[in-house]
Amino acid sequence: MRREDGSVPTVVLVGKGITFDSGGLTLKTFDGMTTMKTDMSGAADVIATLGACRALGIRVRVVGLAPTTENMPGGRAVKPGDVLEIRNGKTIEVLNTDCEGRLVLADGLSLAVEEHRTRSSTWQR
């Protein structure tokens, strides 16, 4: 598929991958932690979709971003009240340390806009 100007359309997929989520300093209960391995499914979906696009010979440029992290307590852990600056320069105050998924997703979406947005792009929420 080509546009009138000869360029190939680009689709950007962003999915977060939290490899383990204890809740950070705001610890989850044991039951709350047992299913946290599924918190990486957004990134897994992006990676699987890239493979499917290649296998199917999709004729658009598909970019996959899979920001990943884990959330564990420790000396460098995010603390309630911390103010963090995300990739696009906006600041976020942490009220609950179980926020790592939103933080990496915000950075991934910012990177997608920064690196892949053009005047002819259509961005949907």
PDB file of N, CA and C in Angstrom:
ATOM      1  N   MET A   1       0.837  -1.162   0.000  1.00  0.00           N
ATOM      2  CA  MET A   1       0.000   0.000   0.000  1.00  0.00           C
ATOM      3  C   MET A   1       0.890   1.236   0.000  1.00  0.00           C
ATOM      4  N   ARG A   2       0.617   2.144  -0.895  1.00  0.00           N
ATOM      5  CA  ARG A   2       1.364   3.401  -0.972  1.00  0.00           C
ATOM      6  C   ARG A   2       0.389   4.561  -1.059  1.00  0.00           C
ATOM      7  N   ARG A   3       0.822   5.662  -0.484  1.00  0.00           N
ATOM      8  CA  ARG A   3       0.042   6.893  -0.584  1.00  0.00           C
ATOM      9  C   ARG A   3       0.314   7.542  -1.938  1.00  0.00           C
ATOM     10  N   GLU A   4      -0.446   8.583  -2.247  1.00  0.00           N
ATOM     11  CA  GLU A   4      -0.258   9.286  -3.511  1.00  0.00           C
ATOM     12  C   GLU A   4       1.157   9.824  -3.659  1.00  0.00           C
ATOM     13  N   ASP A   5       1.774  10.220  -2.538  1.00  0.00           N
ATOM     14  CA  ASP A   5       3.138  10.753  -2.608  1.00  0.00           C
ATOM     15  C   ASP A   5       4.202   9.659  -2.649  1.00  0.00           C
ATOM     16  N   GLY A   6       3.783   8.386  -2.683  1.00  0.00           N
ATOM     17  CA  GLY A   6       4.714   7.262  -2.764  1.00  0.00           C
ATOM     18  C   GLY A   6       5.154   6.707  -1.429  1.00  0.00           C
ATOM     19  N   SER A   7       4.787   7.371  -0.336  1.00  0.00           N
ATOM     20  CA  SER A   7       5.214   6.891   0.982  1.00  0.00           C
ATOM     21  C   SER A   7       4.330   5.726   1.439  1.00  0.00           C
ATOM     22  N   VAL A   8       4.883   4.946   2.330  1.00  0.00           N
ATOM     23  CA  VAL A   8       4.158   3.813   2.901  1.00  0.00           C
ATOM     24  C   VAL A   8       3.577   4.245   4.240  1.00  0.00           C
ATOM     25  N   PRO A   9       2.295   3.989   4.507  1.00  0.00           N
ATOM     26  CA  PRO A   9       1.710   4.359   5.807  1.00  0.00           C
ATOM     27  C   PRO A   9       2.409   3.633   6.954  1.00  0.00           C
ATOM     28  N   THR A  10       2.451   4.287   8.092  1.00  0.00           N
ATOM     29  CA  THR A  10       3.057   3.707   9.285  1.00  0.00           C
ATOM     30  C   THR A  10       1.998   3.542  10.364  1.00  0.00           C
ATOM     31  N   VAL A  11       2.018   2.385  11.001  1.00  0.00           N
ATOM     32  CA  VAL A  11       1.172   2.109  12.155  1.00  0.00           C
ATOM     33  C   VAL A  11       2.112   1.849  13.325  1.00  0.00           C
ATOM     34  N   VAL A  12       1.870   2.516  14.452  1.00  0.00           N
ATOM     35  CA  VAL A  12       2.700   2.327  15.639  1.00  0.00           C
ATOM     36  C   VAL A  12       1.854   1.661  16.717  1.00  0.00           C
ATOM     37  N   LEU A  13       2.354   0.550  17.238  1.00  0.00           N
ATOM     38  CA  LEU A  13       1.691  -0.181  18.319  1.00  0.00           C
ATOM     39  C   LEU A  13       2.515  -0.012  19.592  1.00  0.00           C
ATOM     40  N   VAL A  14       1.851   0.287  20.704  1.00  0.00           N
ATOM     41  CA  VAL A  14       2.544   0.454  21.988  1.00  0.00           C
ATOM     42  C   VAL A  14       1.844  -0.428  23.012  1.00  0.00           C
ATOM     43  N   GLY A  15       2.611  -1.284  23.693  1.00  0.00           N
ATOM     44  CA  GLY A  15       2.048  -2.135  24.739  1.00  0.00           C
ATOM     45  C   GLY A  15       3.030  -2.287  25.878  1.00  0.00           C
ATOM     46  N   LYS A  16       2.577  -2.064  27.101  1.00  0.00           N
ATOM     47  CA  LYS A  16       3.479  -2.122  28.256  1.00  0.00           C
ATOM     48  C   LYS A  16       3.762  -3.560  28.657  1.00  0.00           C
ATOM     49  N   GLY A  17       4.956  -3.756  29.211  1.00  0.00           N
ATOM     50  CA  GLY A  17       5.360  -5.072  29.679  1.00  0.00           C
ATOM     51  C   GLY A  17       5.938  -4.990  31.083  1.00  0.00           C
ATOM     52  N   ILE A  18       5.125  -5.265  32.076  1.00  0.00           N
ATOM     53  CA  ILE A  18       5.604  -5.254  33.456  1.00  0.00           C
ATOM     54  C   ILE A  18       5.925  -6.702  33.816  1.00  0.00           C
ATOM     55  N   THR A  19       7.217  -7.000  33.947  1.00  0.00           N
ATOM     56  CA  THR A  19       7.642  -8.383  34.144  1.00  0.00           C
ATOM     57  C   THR A  19       7.293  -8.913  35.524  1.00  0.00           C
ATOM     58  N   PHE A  20       7.300  -8.046  36.521  1.00  0.00           N
ATOM     59  CA  PHE A  20       6.796  -8.420  37.841  1.00  0.00           C
ATOM     60  C   PHE A  20       6.383  -7.154  38.567  1.00  0.00           C
ATOM     61  N   ASP A  21       5.244  -7.212  39.228  1.00  0.00           N
ATOM     62  CA  ASP A  21       4.701  -6.032  39.892  1.00  0.00           C
ATOM     63  C   ASP A  21       4.312  -6.364  41.321  1.00  0.00           C
ATOM     64  N   SER A  22       5.178  -5.963  42.246  1.00  0.00           N
ATOM     65  CA  SER A  22       4.880  -6.168  43.669  1.00  0.00           C
ATOM     66  C   SER A  22       4.067  -5.007  44.233  1.00  0.00           C
ATOM     67  N   GLY A  23       3.948  -3.932  43.448  1.00  0.00           N
ATOM     68  CA  GLY A  23       3.309  -2.713  43.940  1.00  0.00           C
ATOM     69  C   GLY A  23       4.324  -1.704  44.437  1.00  0.00           C
ATOM     70  N   GLY A  24       5.612  -2.071  44.398  1.00  0.00           N
ATOM     71  CA  GLY A  24       6.650  -1.167  44.892  1.00  0.00           C
ATOM     72  C   GLY A  24       6.524  -1.007  46.396  1.00  0.00           C
ATOM     73  N   LEU A  25       6.734   0.194  46.886  1.00  0.00           N
ATOM     74  CA  LEU A  25       6.627   0.437  48.323  1.00  0.00           C
ATOM     75  C   LEU A  25       5.185   0.326  48.812  1.00  0.00           C
ATOM     76  N   THR A  26       4.225   0.473  47.894  1.00  0.00           N
ATOM     77  CA  THR A  26       2.814   0.256  48.222  1.00  0.00           C
ATOM     78  C   THR A  26       2.527  -1.209  47.888  1.00  0.00           C
ATOM     79  N   LEU A  27       3.017  -2.111  48.721  1.00  0.00           N
ATOM     80  CA  LEU A  27       2.994  -3.546  48.415  1.00  0.00           C
ATOM     81  C   LEU A  27       1.589  -4.084  48.180  1.00  0.00           C
ATOM     82  N   LYS A  28       1.504  -4.946  47.170  1.00  0.00           N
ATOM     83  CA  LYS A  28       0.254  -5.664  46.914  1.00  0.00           C
ATOM     84  C   LYS A  28       0.152  -6.821  47.911  1.00  0.00           C
ATOM     85  N   THR A  29      -1.039  -7.359  48.073  1.00  0.00           N
ATOM     86  CA  THR A  29      -1.208  -8.577  48.864  1.00  0.00           C
ATOM     87  C   THR A  29      -0.674  -9.756  48.052  1.00  0.00           C
ATOM     88  N   PHE A  30      -0.498 -10.903  48.690  1.00  0.00           N
ATOM     89  CA  PHE A  30      -0.048 -12.093  47.974  1.00  0.00           C
ATOM     90  C   PHE A  30      -0.992 -12.401  46.814  1.00  0.00           C
ATOM     91  N   ASP A  31      -2.292 -12.381  47.086  1.00  0.00           N
ATOM     92  CA  ASP A  31      -3.258 -12.663  46.019  1.00  0.00           C
ATOM     93  C   ASP A  31      -3.150 -11.647  44.890  1.00  0.00           C
ATOM     94  N   GLY A  32      -2.850 -10.403  45.226  1.00  0.00           N
ATOM     95  CA  GLY A  32      -2.705  -9.371  44.209  1.00  0.00           C
ATOM     96  C   GLY A  32      -1.480  -9.554  43.342  1.00  0.00           C
ATOM     97  N   MET A  33      -0.465 -10.247  43.871  1.00  0.00           N
ATOM     98  CA  MET A  33       0.770 -10.463  43.108  1.00  0.00           C
ATOM     99  C   MET A  33       0.729 -11.704  42.225  1.00  0.00           C
ATOM    100  N   THR A  34      -0.126 -12.657  42.539  1.00  0.00           N
ATOM    101  CA  THR A  34      -0.065 -13.945  41.831  1.00  0.00           C
ATOM    102  C   THR A  34      -0.385 -13.843  40.348  1.00  0.00           C
ATOM    103  N   THR A  35      -1.164 -12.877  39.945  1.00  0.00           N
ATOM    104  CA  THR A  35      -1.500 -12.746  38.524  1.00  0.00           C
ATOM    105  C   THR A  35      -0.692 -11.665  37.818  1.00  0.00           C
ATOM    106  N   MET A  36       0.292 -11.100  38.493  1.00  0.00           N
ATOM    107  CA  MET A  36       1.028  -9.984  37.915  1.00  0.00           C
ATOM    108  C   MET A  36       1.887 -10.386  36.723  1.00  0.00           C
ATOM    109  N   LYS A  37       2.114 -11.685  36.509  1.00  0.00           N
ATOM    110  CA  LYS A  37       2.863 -12.079  35.316  1.00  0.00           C
ATOM    111  C   LYS A  37       2.089 -11.746  34.042  1.00  0.00           C
ATOM    112  N   THR A  38       0.785 -11.534  34.165  1.00  0.00           N
ATOM    113  CA  THR A  38      -0.003 -11.153  32.989  1.00  0.00           C
ATOM    114  C   THR A  38       0.089  -9.661  32.702  1.00  0.00           C
ATOM    115  N   ASP A  39       0.774  -8.920  33.558  1.00  0.00           N
ATOM    116  CA  ASP A  39       0.908  -7.480  33.364  1.00  0.00           C
ATOM    117  C   ASP A  39       1.861  -7.155  32.221  1.00  0.00           C
ATOM    118  N   MET A  40       2.426  -8.186  31.604  1.00  0.00           N
ATOM    119  CA  MET A  40       3.293  -7.966  30.452  1.00  0.00           C
ATOM    120  C   MET A  40       2.564  -8.255  29.148  1.00  0.00           C
ATOM    121  N   SER A  41       1.270  -8.510  29.220  1.00  0.00           N
ATOM    122  CA  SER A  41       0.545  -8.964  28.029  1.00  0.00           C
ATOM    123  C   SER A  41       0.434  -7.897  26.939  1.00  0.00           C
ATOM    124  N   GLY A  42       0.455  -6.613  27.290  1.00  0.00           N
ATOM    125  CA  GLY A  42       0.421  -5.577  26.255  1.00  0.00           C
ATOM    126  C   GLY A  42       1.645  -5.652  25.361  1.00  0.00           C
ATOM    127  N   ALA A  43       2.829  -5.795  25.980  1.00  0.00           N
ATOM    128  CA  ALA A  43       4.065  -5.918  25.203  1.00  0.00           C
ATOM    129  C   ALA A  43       4.069  -7.221  24.406  1.00  0.00           C
ATOM    130  N   ALA A  44       3.597  -8.294  25.015  1.00  0.00           N
ATOM    131  CA  ALA A  44       3.539  -9.578  24.309  1.00  0.00           C
ATOM    132  C   ALA A  44       2.621  -9.488  23.089  1.00  0.00           C
ATOM    133  N   ASP A  45       1.499  -8.797  23.234  1.00  0.00           N
ATOM    134  CA  ASP A  45       0.588  -8.619  22.098  1.00  0.00           C
ATOM    135  C   ASP A  45       1.250  -7.845  20.966  1.00  0.00           C
ATOM    136  N   VAL A  46       1.998  -6.797  21.307  1.00  0.00           N
ATOM    137  CA  VAL A  46       2.688  -6.011  20.283  1.00  0.00           C
ATOM    138  C   VAL A  46       3.689  -6.897  19.537  1.00  0.00           C
ATOM    139  N   ILE A  47       4.481  -7.669  20.277  1.00  0.00           N
ATOM    140  CA  ILE A  47       5.494  -8.520  19.656  1.00  0.00           C
ATOM    141  C   ILE A  47       4.838  -9.585  18.784  1.00  0.00           C
ATOM    142  N   ALA A  48       3.776 -10.200  19.274  1.00  0.00           N
ATOM    143  CA  ALA A  48       3.058 -11.216  18.484  1.00  0.00           C
ATOM    144  C   ALA A  48       2.442 -10.599  17.232  1.00  0.00           C
ATOM    145  N   THR A  49       1.908  -9.397  17.352  1.00  0.00           N
ATOM    146  CA  THR A  49       1.312  -8.727  16.197  1.00  0.00           C
ATOM    147  C   THR A  49       2.364  -8.420  15.136  1.00  0.00           C
ATOM    148  N   LEU A  50       3.558  -8.028  15.558  1.00  0.00           N
ATOM    149  CA  LEU A  50       4.631  -7.792  14.587  1.00  0.00           C
ATOM    150  C   LEU A  50       4.957  -9.064  13.808  1.00  0.00           C
ATOM    151  N   GLY A  51       5.023 -10.193  14.520  1.00  0.00           N
ATOM    152  CA  GLY A  51       5.269 -11.467  13.844  1.00  0.00           C
ATOM    153  C   GLY A  51       4.159 -11.820  12.875  1.00  0.00           C
ATOM    154  N   ALA A  52       2.913 -11.587  13.277  1.00  0.00           N
ATOM    155  CA  ALA A  52       1.778 -11.881  12.397  1.00  0.00           C
ATOM    156  C   ALA A  52       1.795 -10.979  11.168  1.00  0.00           C
ATOM    157  N   CYS A  53       2.136  -9.717  11.348  1.00  0.00           N
ATOM    158  CA  CYS A  53       2.199  -8.793  10.208  1.00  0.00           C
ATOM    159  C   CYS A  53       3.228  -9.252   9.191  1.00  0.00           C
ATOM    160  N   ARG A  54       4.355  -9.703   9.688  1.00  0.00           N
ATOM    161  CA  ARG A  54       5.399 -10.194   8.773  1.00  0.00           C
ATOM    162  C   ARG A  54       4.925 -11.448   8.056  1.00  0.00           C
ATOM    163  N   ALA A  55       4.353 -12.381   8.804  1.00  0.00           N
ATOM    164  CA  ALA A  55       3.890 -13.645   8.208  1.00  0.00           C
ATOM    165  C   ALA A  55       2.791 -13.410   7.171  1.00  0.00           C
ATOM    166  N   LEU A  56       1.958 -12.409   7.423  1.00  0.00           N
ATOM    167  CA  LEU A  56       0.852 -12.117   6.510  1.00  0.00           C
ATOM    168  C   LEU A  56       1.246 -11.178   5.369  1.00  0.00           C
ATOM    169  N   GLY A  57       2.458 -10.658   5.418  1.00  0.00           N
ATOM    170  CA  GLY A  57       2.915  -9.763   4.363  1.00  0.00           C
ATOM    171  C   GLY A  57       2.183  -8.431   4.339  1.00  0.00           C
ATOM    172  N   ILE A  58       1.856  -7.914   5.519  1.00  0.00           N
ATOM    173  CA  ILE A  58       1.168  -6.626   5.617  1.00  0.00           C
ATOM    174  C   ILE A  58       1.989  -5.568   4.887  1.00  0.00           C
ATOM    175  N   ARG A  59       1.339  -4.776   4.087  1.00  0.00           N
ATOM    176  CA  ARG A  59       2.054  -3.830   3.234  1.00  0.00           C
ATOM    177  C   ARG A  59       2.016  -2.404   3.768  1.00  0.00           C
ATOM    178  N   VAL A  60       2.153  -2.280   5.059  1.00  0.00           N
ATOM    179  CA  VAL A  60       2.346  -0.985   5.710  1.00  0.00           C
ATOM    180  C   VAL A  60       3.531  -1.144   6.654  1.00  0.00           C
ATOM    181  N   ARG A  61       4.124  -0.043   7.026  1.00  0.00           N
ATOM    182  CA  ARG A  61       5.224  -0.081   7.985  1.00  0.00           C
ATOM    183  C   ARG A  61       4.612  -0.170   9.377  1.00  0.00           C
ATOM    184  N   VAL A  62       4.958  -1.219  10.107  1.00  0.00           N
ATOM    185  CA  VAL A  62       4.430  -1.413  11.457  1.00  0.00           C
ATOM    186  C   VAL A  62       5.591  -1.303  12.437  1.00  0.00           C
ATOM    187  N   VAL A  63       5.467  -0.383  13.382  1.00  0.00           N
ATOM    188  CA  VAL A  63       6.483  -0.167  14.410  1.00  0.00           C
ATOM    189  C   VAL A  63       5.904  -0.647  15.731  1.00  0.00           C
ATOM    190  N   GLY A  64       6.651  -1.448  16.454  1.00  0.00           N
ATOM    191  CA  GLY A  64       6.215  -1.925  17.757  1.00  0.00           C
ATOM    192  C   GLY A  64       7.093  -1.374  18.862  1.00  0.00           C
ATOM    193  N   LEU A  65       6.476  -0.806  19.873  1.00  0.00           N
ATOM    194  CA  LEU A  65       7.188  -0.326  21.054  1.00  0.00           C
ATOM    195  C   LEU A  65       6.661  -1.086  22.258  1.00  0.00           C
ATOM    196  N   ALA A  66       7.576  -1.683  23.017  1.00  0.00           N
ATOM    197  CA  ALA A  66       7.188  -2.490  24.167  1.00  0.00           C
ATOM    198  C   ALA A  66       7.984  -2.031  25.395  1.00  0.00           C
ATOM    199  N   PRO A  67       7.612  -0.893  25.992  1.00  0.00           N
ATOM    200  CA  PRO A  67       8.331  -0.439  27.182  1.00  0.00           C
ATOM    201  C   PRO A  67       8.121  -1.424  28.337  1.00  0.00           C
ATOM    202  N   THR A  68       9.217  -1.810  28.975  1.00  0.00           N
ATOM    203  CA  THR A  68       9.158  -2.831  30.018  1.00  0.00           C
ATOM    204  C   THR A  68       9.876  -2.383  31.288  1.00  0.00           C
ATOM    205  N   THR A  69       9.455  -2.965  32.391  1.00  0.00           N
ATOM    206  CA  THR A  69      10.111  -2.734  33.682  1.00  0.00           C
ATOM    207  C   THR A  69       9.554  -3.743  34.680  1.00  0.00           C
ATOM    208  N   GLU A  70      10.035  -3.681  35.906  1.00  0.00           N
ATOM    209  CA  GLU A  70       9.411  -4.390  37.023  1.00  0.00           C
ATOM    210  C   GLU A  70       9.225  -3.368  38.134  1.00  0.00           C
ATOM    211  N   ASN A  71       8.402  -3.701  39.103  1.00  0.00           N
ATOM    212  CA  ASN A  71       8.142  -2.777  40.209  1.00  0.00           C
ATOM    213  C   ASN A  71       8.384  -3.507  41.516  1.00  0.00           C
ATOM    214  N   MET A  72       9.547  -3.235  42.102  1.00  0.00           N
ATOM    215  CA  MET A  72       9.949  -3.898  43.337  1.00  0.00           C
ATOM    216  C   MET A  72      10.390  -2.851  44.358  1.00  0.00           C
ATOM    217  N   PRO A  73      10.220  -3.152  45.660  1.00  0.00           N
ATOM    218  CA  PRO A  73      10.753  -2.230  46.664  1.00  0.00           C
ATOM    219  C   PRO A  73      12.276  -2.321  46.676  1.00  0.00           C
ATOM    220  N   GLY A  74      12.912  -1.246  47.049  1.00  0.00           N
ATOM    221  CA  GLY A  74      14.366  -1.225  47.130  1.00  0.00           C
ATOM    222  C   GLY A  74      14.860   0.184  47.360  1.00  0.00           C
ATOM    223  N   GLY A  75      16.146   0.341  47.447  1.00  0.00           N
ATOM    224  CA  GLY A  75      16.744   1.635  47.737  1.00  0.00           C
ATOM    225  C   GLY A  75      16.493   2.695  46.682  1.00  0.00           C
ATOM    226  N   ARG A  76      16.253   2.282  45.435  1.00  0.00           N
ATOM    227  CA  ARG A  76      15.999   3.241  44.357  1.00  0.00           C
ATOM    228  C   ARG A  76      14.526   3.275  43.950  1.00  0.00           C
ATOM    229  N   ALA A  77      13.657   2.703  44.764  1.00  0.00           N
ATOM    230  CA  ALA A  77      12.232   2.635  44.440  1.00  0.00           C
ATOM    231  C   ALA A  77      11.592   4.022  44.444  1.00  0.00           C
ATOM    232  N   VAL A  78      10.566   4.173  43.608  1.00  0.00           N
ATOM    233  CA  VAL A  78       9.762   5.398  43.609  1.00  0.00           C
ATOM    234  C   VAL A  78       9.001   5.469  44.927  1.00  0.00           C
ATOM    235  N   LYS A  79       8.937   6.673  45.496  1.00  0.00           N
ATOM    236  CA  LYS A  79       8.266   6.857  46.785  1.00  0.00           C
ATOM    237  C   LYS A  79       7.030   7.739  46.615  1.00  0.00           C
ATOM    238  N   PRO A  80       6.004   7.544  47.458  1.00  0.00           N
ATOM    239  CA  PRO A  80       4.851   8.443  47.419  1.00  0.00           C
ATOM    240  C   PRO A  80       5.317   9.887  47.599  1.00  0.00           C
ATOM    241  N   GLY A  81       4.807  10.769  46.764  1.00  0.00           N
ATOM    242  CA  GLY A  81       5.203  12.171  46.818  1.00  0.00           C
ATOM    243  C   GLY A  81       6.290  12.536  45.824  1.00  0.00           C
ATOM    244  N   ASP A  82       6.980  11.533  45.240  1.00  0.00           N
ATOM    245  CA  ASP A  82       7.989  11.827  44.227  1.00  0.00           C
ATOM    246  C   ASP A  82       7.320  12.491  43.027  1.00  0.00           C
ATOM    247  N   VAL A  83       8.022  13.409  42.408  1.00  0.00           N
ATOM    248  CA  VAL A  83       7.564  14.033  41.171  1.00  0.00           C
ATOM    249  C   VAL A  83       8.525  13.590  40.078  1.00  0.00           C
ATOM    250  N   LEU A  84       7.989  12.926  39.072  1.00  0.00           N
ATOM    251  CA  LEU A  84       8.794  12.369  37.990  1.00  0.00           C
ATOM    252  C   LEU A  84       8.518  13.116  36.695  1.00  0.00           C
ATOM    253  N   GLU A  85       9.544  13.252  35.880  1.00  0.00           N
ATOM    254  CA  GLU A  85       9.369  13.856  34.559  1.00  0.00           C
ATOM    255  C   GLU A  85       9.387  12.745  33.520  1.00  0.00           C
ATOM    256  N   ILE A  86       8.322  12.662  32.739  1.00  0.00           N
ATOM    257  CA  ILE A  86       8.277  11.637  31.701  1.00  0.00           C
ATOM    258  C   ILE A  86       8.943  12.168  30.434  1.00  0.00           C
ATOM    259  N   ARG A  87       9.054  11.324  29.450  1.00  0.00           N
ATOM    260  CA  ARG A  87       9.808  11.608  28.239  1.00  0.00           C
ATOM    261  C   ARG A  87       9.424  12.923  27.564  1.00  0.00           C
ATOM    262  N   ASN A  88       8.144  13.252  27.540  1.00  0.00           N
ATOM    263  CA  ASN A  88       7.712  14.458  26.825  1.00  0.00           C
ATOM    264  C   ASN A  88       7.834  15.731  27.665  1.00  0.00           C
ATOM    265  N   GLY A  89       8.414  15.620  28.868  1.00  0.00           N
ATOM    266  CA  GLY A  89       8.648  16.786  29.702  1.00  0.00           C
ATOM    267  C   GLY A  89       7.555  17.075  30.718  1.00  0.00           C
ATOM    268  N   LYS A  90       6.440  16.377  30.629  1.00  0.00           N
ATOM    269  CA  LYS A  90       5.370  16.580  31.615  1.00  0.00           C
ATOM    270  C   LYS A  90       5.794  15.949  32.939  1.00  0.00           C
ATOM    271  N   THR A  91       5.288  16.483  34.030  1.00  0.00           N
ATOM    272  CA  THR A  91       5.617  15.929  35.340  1.00  0.00           C
ATOM    273  C   THR A  91       4.401  15.219  35.928  1.00  0.00           C
ATOM    274  N   ILE A  92       4.698  14.200  36.717  1.00  0.00           N
ATOM    275  CA  ILE A  92       3.669  13.376  37.341  1.00  0.00           C
ATOM    276  C   ILE A  92       4.030  13.217  38.812  1.00  0.00           C
ATOM    277  N   GLU A  93       3.075  13.511  39.706  1.00  0.00           N
ATOM    278  CA  GLU A  93       3.303  13.262  41.125  1.00  0.00           C
ATOM    279  C   GLU A  93       2.818  11.855  41.455  1.00  0.00           C
ATOM    280  N   VAL A  94       3.656  11.082  42.090  1.00  0.00           N
ATOM    281  CA  VAL A  94       3.320   9.716  42.478  1.00  0.00           C
ATOM    282  C   VAL A  94       2.587   9.748  43.807  1.00  0.00           C
ATOM    283  N   LEU A  95       1.345   9.293  43.816  1.00  0.00           N
ATOM    284  CA  LEU A  95       0.578   9.195  45.055  1.00  0.00           C
ATOM    285  C   LEU A  95       0.538   7.756  45.559  1.00  0.00           C
ATOM    286  N   ASN A  96       0.661   6.808  44.628  1.00  0.00           N
ATOM    287  CA  ASN A  96       0.670   5.384  44.949  1.00  0.00           C
ATOM    288  C   ASN A  96       1.753   4.763  44.074  1.00  0.00           C
ATOM    289  N   THR A  97       2.656   4.001  44.671  1.00  0.00           N
ATOM    290  CA  THR A  97       3.805   3.495  43.913  1.00  0.00           C
ATOM    291  C   THR A  97       3.456   2.352  42.966  1.00  0.00           C
ATOM    292  N   ASP A  98       2.219   1.942  42.927  1.00  0.00           N
ATOM    293  CA  ASP A  98       1.792   0.916  41.978  1.00  0.00           C
ATOM    294  C   ASP A  98       1.380   1.591  40.666  1.00  0.00           C
ATOM    295  N   CYS A  99       2.313   2.351  40.096  1.00  0.00           N
ATOM    296  CA  CYS A  99       2.006   3.185  38.932  1.00  0.00           C
ATOM    297  C   CYS A  99       2.944   2.934  37.757  1.00  0.00           C
ATOM    298  N   GLU A 100       3.808   1.935  37.873  1.00  0.00           N
ATOM    299  CA  GLU A 100       4.854   1.738  36.869  1.00  0.00           C
ATOM    300  C   GLU A 100       4.305   1.480  35.473  1.00  0.00           C
ATOM    301  N   GLY A 101       3.172   0.808  35.369  1.00  0.00           N
ATOM    302  CA  GLY A 101       2.590   0.538  34.057  1.00  0.00           C
ATOM    303  C   GLY A 101       2.200   1.811  33.343  1.00  0.00           C
ATOM    304  N   ARG A 102       1.552   2.710  34.061  1.00  0.00           N
ATOM    305  CA  ARG A 102       1.162   3.993  33.473  1.00  0.00           C
ATOM    306  C   ARG A 102       2.382   4.818  33.106  1.00  0.00           C
ATOM    307  N   LEU A 103       3.436   4.748  33.919  1.00  0.00           N
ATOM    308  CA  LEU A 103       4.641   5.533  33.646  1.00  0.00           C
ATOM    309  C   LEU A 103       5.352   5.052  32.388  1.00  0.00           C
ATOM    310  N   VAL A 104       5.554   3.731  32.255  1.00  0.00           N
ATOM    311  CA  VAL A 104       6.248   3.254  31.051  1.00  0.00           C
ATOM    312  C   VAL A 104       5.371   3.408  29.817  1.00  0.00           C
ATOM    313  N   LEU A 105       4.055   3.278  29.980  1.00  0.00           N
ATOM    314  CA  LEU A 105       3.164   3.485  28.841  1.00  0.00           C
ATOM    315  C   LEU A 105       3.188   4.951  28.400  1.00  0.00           C
ATOM    316  N   ALA A 106       3.220   5.878  29.353  1.00  0.00           N
ATOM    317  CA  ALA A 106       3.315   7.306  29.009  1.00  0.00           C
ATOM    318  C   ALA A 106       4.592   7.574  28.225  1.00  0.00           C
ATOM    319  N   ASP A 107       5.714   6.994  28.658  1.00  0.00           N
ATOM    320  CA  ASP A 107       6.963   7.178  27.929  1.00  0.00           C
ATOM    321  C   ASP A 107       6.898   6.534  26.541  1.00  0.00           C
ATOM    322  N   GLY A 108       6.294   5.345  26.443  1.00  0.00           N
ATOM    323  CA  GLY A 108       6.172   4.680  25.149  1.00  0.00           C
ATOM    324  C   GLY A 108       5.315   5.474  24.177  1.00  0.00           C
ATOM    325  N   LEU A 109       4.203   6.011  24.658  1.00  0.00           N
ATOM    326  CA  LEU A 109       3.336   6.824  23.794  1.00  0.00           C
ATOM    327  C   LEU A 109       4.039   8.121  23.394  1.00  0.00           C
ATOM    328  N   SER A 110       4.790   8.706  24.326  1.00  0.00           N
ATOM    329  CA  SER A 110       5.549   9.916  23.999  1.00  0.00           C
ATOM    330  C   SER A 110       6.583   9.625  22.920  1.00  0.00           C
ATOM    331  N   LEU A 111       7.279   8.517  23.031  1.00  0.00           N
ATOM    332  CA  LEU A 111       8.266   8.130  22.015  1.00  0.00           C
ATOM    333  C   LEU A 111       7.589   7.906  20.667  1.00  0.00           C
ATOM    334  N   ALA A 112       6.429   7.267  20.672  1.00  0.00           N
ATOM    335  CA  ALA A 112       5.705   7.021  19.425  1.00  0.00           C
ATOM    336  C   ALA A 112       5.383   8.334  18.726  1.00  0.00           C
ATOM    337  N   VAL A 113       4.899   9.312  19.471  1.00  0.00           N
ATOM    338  CA  VAL A 113       4.568  10.614  18.890  1.00  0.00           C
ATOM    339  C   VAL A 113       5.835  11.318  18.415  1.00  0.00           C
ATOM    340  N   GLU A 114       6.863  11.282  19.255  1.00  0.00           N
ATOM    341  CA  GLU A 114       8.117  11.974  18.960  1.00  0.00           C
ATOM    342  C   GLU A 114       8.800  11.433  17.700  1.00  0.00           C
ATOM    343  N   GLU A 115       8.836  10.133  17.561  1.00  0.00           N
ATOM    344  CA  GLU A 115       9.596   9.499  16.477  1.00  0.00           C
ATOM    345  C   GLU A 115       8.789   9.218  15.211  1.00  0.00           C
ATOM    346  N   HIS A 116       7.481   9.102  15.340  1.00  0.00           N
ATOM    347  CA  HIS A 116       6.711   8.588  14.199  1.00  0.00           C
ATOM    348  C   HIS A 116       5.536   9.448  13.765  1.00  0.00           C
ATOM    349  N   ARG A 117       5.338  10.579  14.360  1.00  0.00           N
ATOM    350  CA  ARG A 117       4.222  11.436  13.967  1.00  0.00           C
ATOM    351  C   ARG A 117       4.622  12.306  12.782  1.00  0.00           C
ATOM    352  N   THR A 118       3.757  12.361  11.806  1.00  0.00           N
ATOM    353  CA  THR A 118       3.946  13.250  10.662  1.00  0.00           C
ATOM    354  C   THR A 118       2.675  14.059  10.496  1.00  0.00           C
ATOM    355  N   ARG A 119       2.712  15.036   9.611  1.00  0.00           N
ATOM    356  CA  ARG A 119       1.515  15.849   9.396  1.00  0.00           C
ATOM    357  C   ARG A 119       0.356  15.014   8.884  1.00  0.00           C
ATOM    358  N   SER A 120       0.656  13.934   8.183  1.00  0.00           N
ATOM    359  CA  SER A 120      -0.418  13.126   7.605  1.00  0.00           C
ATOM    360  C   SER A 120      -0.856  11.974   8.519  1.00  0.00           C
ATOM    361  N   SER A 121      -0.263  11.912   9.715  1.00  0.00           N
ATOM    362  CA  SER A 121      -0.617  10.834  10.642  1.00  0.00           C
ATOM    363  C   SER A 121      -2.007  11.053  11.227  1.00  0.00           C
ATOM    364  N   THR A 122      -2.670   9.955  11.503  1.00  0.00           N
ATOM    365  CA  THR A 122      -3.933   9.996  12.228  1.00  0.00           C
ATOM    366  C   THR A 122      -3.707   9.312  13.562  1.00  0.00           C
ATOM    367  N   TRP A 123      -3.938  10.032  14.654  1.00  0.00           N
ATOM    368  CA  TRP A 123      -3.736   9.472  15.990  1.00  0.00           C
ATOM    369  C   TRP A 123      -5.096   9.315  16.634  1.00  0.00           C
ATOM    370  N   GLN A 124      -5.374   8.099  17.085  1.00  0.00           N
ATOM    371  CA  GLN A 124      -6.640   7.826  17.741  1.00  0.00           C
ATOM    372  C   GLN A 124      -6.378   7.483  19.197  1.00  0.00           C
ATOM    373  N   ARG A 125      -7.341   7.822  20.048  1.00  0.00           N
ATOM    374  CA  ARG A 125      -7.205   7.504  21.473  1.00  0.00           C
ATOM    375  C   ARG A 125      -7.816   6.175  21.749  1.00  0.00           C
TER     376      ARG A 125
END
